[in-house]
Amino acid sequence: MKIMKLIIIVYLIILSSCNNEVRNNNETETTDTLLKKTITFPSNLLFLENNKFKNINVVKQKINNKKKIISIVDGNCRKCIVNQLNQTDSLFNNILNSNPLIFILNVNKKDSAYFMNNLYPEINAKEIFLWDNNYNFERENQLFTKDIYLRTFMVNDTNKIIHYGNPLFEPDLLKEYKRLINK
């Protein structure tokens, strides 16, 4: 009986270490394949401008065939709006030239009114906001990740990701974004 328990314990240890290895490989794979992705903007995203929702086609003309920096933000989180969104906007504002900075705002349908009344007024950024109430952008582009570092990236004029990372967490990245924008 003791031998059987020992075998089960050893088996569970081996099994759990394999799962960790797979998880780590998947994280590395996500990072490695991020630079190979070409993103699209789903038609069910809405352009949010001056408290009004507009069809995404209104903004597509402004962003097509341009390099873009995209940052995915949790719109249900005050800290994410105040600290992440506003500060990311400030960092990139001086290097963008005529290239757009696009924030994908993930806001649950049930929290929409709360966001518009309480969090939207906290936004100091003047860039492009695309409203996503069902993770459509992340789903269509297979970009689901909890890693906030991977939720900010730059795409070239054909929407292929060419750089990623948030300079809020790694300030040296800003130099690379600037170099790529001016390239």
C-alpha atoms as a PDB file:
ATOM      1  CA  MET A   1       0.000   0.000   0.000  1.00  0.00           C
ATOM      2  CA  LYS A   2       2.838   2.404   0.838  1.00  0.00           C
ATOM      3  CA  ILE A   3       4.535   1.566  -2.447  1.00  0.00           C
ATOM      4  CA  MET A   4       1.327   2.369  -4.328  1.00  0.00           C
ATOM      5  CA  LYS A   5       1.030   5.764  -2.576  1.00  0.00           C
ATOM      6  CA  LEU A   6       4.677   6.491  -3.368  1.00  0.00           C
ATOM      7  CA  ILE A   7       4.141   5.615  -7.051  1.00  0.00           C
ATOM      8  CA  ILE A   8       1.098   7.889  -7.205  1.00  0.00           C
ATOM      9  CA  ILE A   9       3.011  10.770  -5.573  1.00  0.00           C
ATOM     10  CA  VAL A  10       5.950  10.362  -7.976  1.00  0.00           C
ATOM     11  CA  TYR A  11       3.541  10.194 -10.915  1.00  0.00           C
ATOM     12  CA  LEU A  12       1.782  13.396  -9.781  1.00  0.00           C
ATOM     13  CA  ILE A  13       5.123  15.199  -9.392  1.00  0.00           C
ATOM     14  CA  ILE A  14       6.184  14.179 -12.877  1.00  0.00           C
ATOM     15  CA  LEU A  15       2.807  15.138 -14.300  1.00  0.00           C
ATOM     16  CA  SER A  16       2.819  18.560 -12.643  1.00  0.00           C
ATOM     17  CA  SER A  17       6.353  19.323 -13.811  1.00  0.00           C
ATOM     18  CA  CYS A  18       5.328  18.489 -17.385  1.00  0.00           C
ATOM     19  CA  ASN A  19       2.398  20.883 -17.142  1.00  0.00           C
ATOM     20  CA  ASN A  20       4.683  23.676 -15.979  1.00  0.00           C
ATOM     21  CA  GLU A  21       7.048  22.989 -18.830  1.00  0.00           C
ATOM     22  CA  VAL A  22       4.207  23.113 -21.344  1.00  0.00           C
ATOM     23  CA  ARG A  23       2.924  26.353 -19.834  1.00  0.00           C
ATOM     24  CA  ASN A  24       6.364  27.956 -20.083  1.00  0.00           C
ATOM     25  CA  ASN A  25       6.761  26.782 -23.666  1.00  0.00           C
ATOM     26  CA  ASN A  26       3.370  28.234 -24.553  1.00  0.00           C
ATOM     27  CA  GLU A  27       4.328  31.610 -23.047  1.00  0.00           C
ATOM     28  CA  THR A  28       7.545  31.619 -25.042  1.00  0.00           C
ATOM     29  CA  GLU A  29       5.666  30.555 -28.161  1.00  0.00           C
ATOM     30  CA  THR A  30       3.185  33.406 -27.669  1.00  0.00           C
ATOM     31  CA  THR A  31       5.994  35.928 -27.492  1.00  0.00           C
ATOM     32  CA  ASP A  32       7.875  34.419 -30.430  1.00  0.00           C
ATOM     33  CA  THR A  33       4.794  34.223 -32.664  1.00  0.00           C
ATOM     34  CA  LEU A  34       3.569  37.704 -31.756  1.00  0.00           C
ATOM     35  CA  LEU A  35       5.998  39.234 -34.247  1.00  0.00           C
ATOM     36  CA  LYS A  36       4.583  37.054 -37.024  1.00  0.00           C
ATOM     37  CA  LYS A  37       0.965  38.135 -36.560  1.00  0.00           C
ATOM     38  CA  THR A  38      -0.967  40.467 -38.802  1.00  0.00           C
ATOM     39  CA  ILE A  39      -3.821  42.049 -36.898  1.00  0.00           C
ATOM     40  CA  THR A  40      -7.255  43.047 -38.092  1.00  0.00           C
ATOM     41  CA  PHE A  41      -9.852  45.359 -36.631  1.00  0.00           C
ATOM     42  CA  PRO A  42     -13.170  43.499 -36.278  1.00  0.00           C
ATOM     43  CA  SER A  43     -16.160  45.306 -37.726  1.00  0.00           C
ATOM     44  CA  ASN A  44     -18.039  45.053 -34.415  1.00  0.00           C
ATOM     45  CA  LEU A  45     -15.596  47.396 -32.651  1.00  0.00           C
ATOM     46  CA  LEU A  46     -16.926  50.902 -32.146  1.00  0.00           C
ATOM     47  CA  PHE A  47     -15.040  54.163 -32.433  1.00  0.00           C
ATOM     48  CA  LEU A  48     -15.548  56.191 -29.238  1.00  0.00           C
ATOM     49  CA  GLU A  49     -15.197  59.929 -29.729  1.00  0.00           C
ATOM     50  CA  ASN A  50     -16.560  62.746 -27.556  1.00  0.00           C
ATOM     51  CA  ASN A  51     -18.924  60.456 -25.612  1.00  0.00           C
ATOM     52  CA  LYS A  52     -20.397  59.093 -28.837  1.00  0.00           C
ATOM     53  CA  PHE A  53     -20.066  55.721 -30.501  1.00  0.00           C
ATOM     54  CA  LYS A  54     -19.422  55.641 -34.222  1.00  0.00           C
ATOM     55  CA  ASN A  55     -18.935  52.893 -36.755  1.00  0.00           C
ATOM     56  CA  ILE A  56     -15.327  51.708 -36.908  1.00  0.00           C
ATOM     57  CA  ASN A  57     -15.226  52.562 -40.628  1.00  0.00           C
ATOM     58  CA  VAL A  58     -15.060  56.239 -39.653  1.00  0.00           C
ATOM     59  CA  VAL A  59     -11.633  55.705 -38.105  1.00  0.00           C
ATOM     60  CA  LYS A  60     -10.341  53.007 -40.462  1.00  0.00           C
ATOM     61  CA  GLN A  61      -9.645  55.667 -43.082  1.00  0.00           C
ATOM     62  CA  LYS A  62      -7.422  57.493 -40.569  1.00  0.00           C
ATOM     63  CA  ILE A  63      -5.417  54.424 -39.593  1.00  0.00           C
ATOM     64  CA  ASN A  64      -5.119  52.380 -42.783  1.00  0.00           C
ATOM     65  CA  ASN A  65      -1.677  52.114 -44.364  1.00  0.00           C
ATOM     66  CA  LYS A  66       0.061  53.696 -41.369  1.00  0.00           C
ATOM     67  CA  LYS A  67       2.282  52.405 -38.621  1.00  0.00           C
ATOM     68  CA  LYS A  68       0.260  52.215 -35.411  1.00  0.00           C
ATOM     69  CA  ILE A  69       0.851  51.624 -31.748  1.00  0.00           C
ATOM     70  CA  ILE A  70      -1.937  49.624 -30.142  1.00  0.00           C
ATOM     71  CA  SER A  71      -2.546  49.178 -26.441  1.00  0.00           C
ATOM     72  CA  ILE A  72      -5.236  46.904 -25.028  1.00  0.00           C
ATOM     73  CA  VAL A  73      -6.678  48.322 -21.799  1.00  0.00           C
ATOM     74  CA  ASP A  74      -9.087  46.906 -19.231  1.00  0.00           C
ATOM     75  CA  GLY A  75     -11.798  49.538 -19.300  1.00  0.00           C
ATOM     76  CA  ASN A  76     -13.394  48.196 -16.121  1.00  0.00           C
ATOM     77  CA  CYS A  77     -10.369  49.169 -14.038  1.00  0.00           C
ATOM     78  CA  ARG A  78      -9.835  52.734 -12.767  1.00  0.00           C
ATOM     79  CA  LYS A  79      -6.142  52.087 -12.135  1.00  0.00           C
ATOM     80  CA  CYS A  80      -5.742  50.814 -15.710  1.00  0.00           C
ATOM     81  CA  ILE A  81      -7.336  53.983 -17.077  1.00  0.00           C
ATOM     82  CA  VAL A  82      -5.572  56.486 -14.847  1.00  0.00           C
ATOM     83  CA  ASN A  83      -2.174  54.851 -14.654  1.00  0.00           C
ATOM     84  CA  GLN A  84      -1.807  52.733 -17.761  1.00  0.00           C
ATOM     85  CA  LEU A  85      -3.848  54.453 -20.474  1.00  0.00           C
ATOM     86  CA  ASN A  86      -3.090  58.081 -19.603  1.00  0.00           C
ATOM     87  CA  GLN A  87       0.588  57.434 -18.952  1.00  0.00           C
ATOM     88  CA  THR A  88       1.019  55.312 -22.085  1.00  0.00           C
ATOM     89  CA  ASP A  89      -0.545  58.144 -24.083  1.00  0.00           C
ATOM     90  CA  SER A  90       1.887  60.646 -22.528  1.00  0.00           C
ATOM     91  CA  LEU A  91       4.896  58.460 -23.309  1.00  0.00           C
ATOM     92  CA  PHE A  92       4.020  57.944 -26.957  1.00  0.00           C
ATOM     93  CA  ASN A  93       2.619  61.404 -27.632  1.00  0.00           C
ATOM     94  CA  ASN A  94       6.012  62.943 -28.442  1.00  0.00           C
ATOM     95  CA  ILE A  95       7.173  60.246 -30.862  1.00  0.00           C
ATOM     96  CA  LEU A  96       4.072  59.481 -32.923  1.00  0.00           C
ATOM     97  CA  ASN A  97       4.415  62.146 -35.647  1.00  0.00           C
ATOM     98  CA  SER A  98       1.308  61.516 -37.747  1.00  0.00           C
ATOM     99  CA  ASN A  99       1.006  57.866 -36.716  1.00  0.00           C
ATOM    100  CA  PRO A 100      -1.955  56.873 -34.569  1.00  0.00           C
ATOM    101  CA  LEU A 101      -1.992  55.481 -31.049  1.00  0.00           C
ATOM    102  CA  ILE A 102      -5.000  53.219 -30.662  1.00  0.00           C
ATOM    103  CA  PHE A 103      -6.430  52.073 -27.364  1.00  0.00           C
ATOM    104  CA  ILE A 104      -8.631  48.994 -27.422  1.00  0.00           C
ATOM    105  CA  LEU A 105     -10.980  49.484 -24.459  1.00  0.00           C
ATOM    106  CA  ASN A 106     -12.278  46.178 -23.130  1.00  0.00           C
ATOM    107  CA  VAL A 107     -15.477  47.069 -21.296  1.00  0.00           C
ATOM    108  CA  ASN A 108     -18.084  44.464 -20.330  1.00  0.00           C
ATOM    109  CA  LYS A 109     -21.575  45.227 -21.579  1.00  0.00           C
ATOM    110  CA  LYS A 110     -22.904  45.269 -18.023  1.00  0.00           C
ATOM    111  CA  ASP A 111     -20.277  47.858 -17.024  1.00  0.00           C
ATOM    112  CA  SER A 112     -20.784  50.190 -19.977  1.00  0.00           C
ATOM    113  CA  ALA A 113     -22.850  52.804 -18.140  1.00  0.00           C
ATOM    114  CA  TYR A 114     -20.447  52.787 -15.190  1.00  0.00           C
ATOM    115  CA  PHE A 115     -17.497  53.270 -17.539  1.00  0.00           C
ATOM    116  CA  MET A 116     -19.087  56.153 -19.446  1.00  0.00           C
ATOM    117  CA  ASN A 117     -20.168  57.956 -16.248  1.00  0.00           C
ATOM    118  CA  ASN A 118     -17.192  57.301 -13.990  1.00  0.00           C
ATOM    119  CA  LEU A 119     -14.117  56.180 -15.935  1.00  0.00           C
ATOM    120  CA  TYR A 120     -14.377  57.847 -19.343  1.00  0.00           C
ATOM    121  CA  PRO A 121     -14.084  61.320 -17.728  1.00  0.00           C
ATOM    122  CA  GLU A 122     -10.773  60.151 -16.183  1.00  0.00           C
ATOM    123  CA  ILE A 123      -9.210  59.713 -19.629  1.00  0.00           C
ATOM    124  CA  ASN A 124      -6.841  62.547 -20.503  1.00  0.00           C
ATOM    125  CA  ALA A 125      -5.580  60.947 -23.718  1.00  0.00           C
ATOM    126  CA  LYS A 126      -6.548  62.424 -27.065  1.00  0.00           C
ATOM    127  CA  GLU A 127      -5.854  59.402 -29.215  1.00  0.00           C
ATOM    128  CA  ILE A 128      -8.118  56.835 -30.860  1.00  0.00           C
ATOM    129  CA  PHE A 129     -10.376  54.693 -28.673  1.00  0.00           C
ATOM    130  CA  LEU A 130     -11.957  51.522 -29.996  1.00  0.00           C
ATOM    131  CA  TRP A 131     -14.702  50.082 -27.811  1.00  0.00           C
ATOM    132  CA  ASP A 132     -14.701  46.316 -27.453  1.00  0.00           C
ATOM    133  CA  ASN A 133     -17.438  44.850 -25.279  1.00  0.00           C
ATOM    134  CA  ASN A 134     -16.770  41.199 -26.014  1.00  0.00           C
ATOM    135  CA  TYR A 135     -12.991  40.747 -26.475  1.00  0.00           C
ATOM    136  CA  ASN A 136     -13.533  40.689 -30.229  1.00  0.00           C
ATOM    137  CA  PHE A 137     -10.158  42.256 -31.033  1.00  0.00           C
ATOM    138  CA  GLU A 138      -8.209  39.792 -28.898  1.00  0.00           C
ATOM    139  CA  ARG A 139     -10.292  36.821 -30.047  1.00  0.00           C
ATOM    140  CA  GLU A 140     -10.052  37.567 -33.765  1.00  0.00           C
ATOM    141  CA  ASN A 141      -6.310  38.241 -33.558  1.00  0.00           C
ATOM    142  CA  GLN A 142      -5.593  35.451 -31.052  1.00  0.00           C
ATOM    143  CA  LEU A 143      -3.981  37.887 -28.617  1.00  0.00           C
ATOM    144  CA  PHE A 144      -5.398  36.681 -25.309  1.00  0.00           C
ATOM    145  CA  THR A 145      -2.814  37.123 -22.582  1.00  0.00           C
ATOM    146  CA  LYS A 146      -2.751  38.279 -18.990  1.00  0.00           C
ATOM    147  CA  ASP A 147       0.777  39.602 -19.522  1.00  0.00           C
ATOM    148  CA  ILE A 148       0.395  43.382 -19.600  1.00  0.00           C
ATOM    149  CA  TYR A 149       3.789  43.613 -21.290  1.00  0.00           C
ATOM    150  CA  LEU A 150       2.394  41.911 -24.412  1.00  0.00           C
ATOM    151  CA  ARG A 151      -0.724  44.087 -24.576  1.00  0.00           C
ATOM    152  CA  THR A 152       1.077  47.067 -26.161  1.00  0.00           C
ATOM    153  CA  PHE A 153       2.600  46.649 -29.588  1.00  0.00           C
ATOM    154  CA  MET A 154       3.400  48.373 -32.855  1.00  0.00           C
ATOM    155  CA  VAL A 155       2.229  47.313 -36.302  1.00  0.00           C
ATOM    156  CA  ASN A 156       3.605  48.403 -39.645  1.00  0.00           C
ATOM    157  CA  ASP A 157       1.565  49.874 -42.488  1.00  0.00           C
ATOM    158  CA  THR A 158       0.238  46.400 -43.383  1.00  0.00           C
ATOM    159  CA  ASN A 159      -0.787  45.716 -39.740  1.00  0.00           C
ATOM    160  CA  LYS A 160       1.969  43.178 -39.054  1.00  0.00           C
ATOM    161  CA  ILE A 161       3.265  43.351 -35.489  1.00  0.00           C
ATOM    162  CA  ILE A 162       6.858  44.604 -35.593  1.00  0.00           C
ATOM    163  CA  HIS A 163       7.515  45.411 -31.933  1.00  0.00           C
ATOM    164  CA  TYR A 164       5.857  44.817 -28.581  1.00  0.00           C
ATOM    165  CA  GLY A 165       6.185  45.755 -24.945  1.00  0.00           C
ATOM    166  CA  ASN A 166       5.038  48.580 -22.747  1.00  0.00           C
ATOM    167  CA  PRO A 167       7.622  51.290 -22.032  1.00  0.00           C
ATOM    168  CA  LEU A 168       5.842  52.028 -18.753  1.00  0.00           C
ATOM    169  CA  PHE A 169       7.414  48.841 -17.457  1.00  0.00           C
ATOM    170  CA  GLU A 170      10.604  48.909 -19.526  1.00  0.00           C
ATOM    171  CA  PRO A 171      11.525  52.528 -20.414  1.00  0.00           C
ATOM    172  CA  ASP A 172      14.268  51.552 -22.898  1.00  0.00           C
ATOM    173  CA  LEU A 173      11.559  50.247 -25.247  1.00  0.00           C
ATOM    174  CA  LEU A 174      10.535  53.812 -26.055  1.00  0.00           C
ATOM    175  CA  LYS A 175      13.774  54.333 -28.017  1.00  0.00           C
ATOM    176  CA  GLU A 176      13.002  51.315 -30.190  1.00  0.00           C
ATOM    177  CA  TYR A 177       9.428  52.478 -30.807  1.00  0.00           C
ATOM    178  CA  LYS A 178      10.778  55.896 -31.810  1.00  0.00           C
ATOM    179  CA  ARG A 179      13.331  54.343 -34.148  1.00  0.00           C
ATOM    180  CA  LEU A 180      10.665  52.191 -35.818  1.00  0.00           C
ATOM    181  CA  ILE A 181       8.215  55.084 -36.194  1.00  0.00           C
ATOM    182  CA  ASN A 182      10.863  57.212 -37.904  1.00  0.00           C
ATOM    183  CA  LYS A 183      12.129  54.363 -40.093  1.00  0.00           C
END
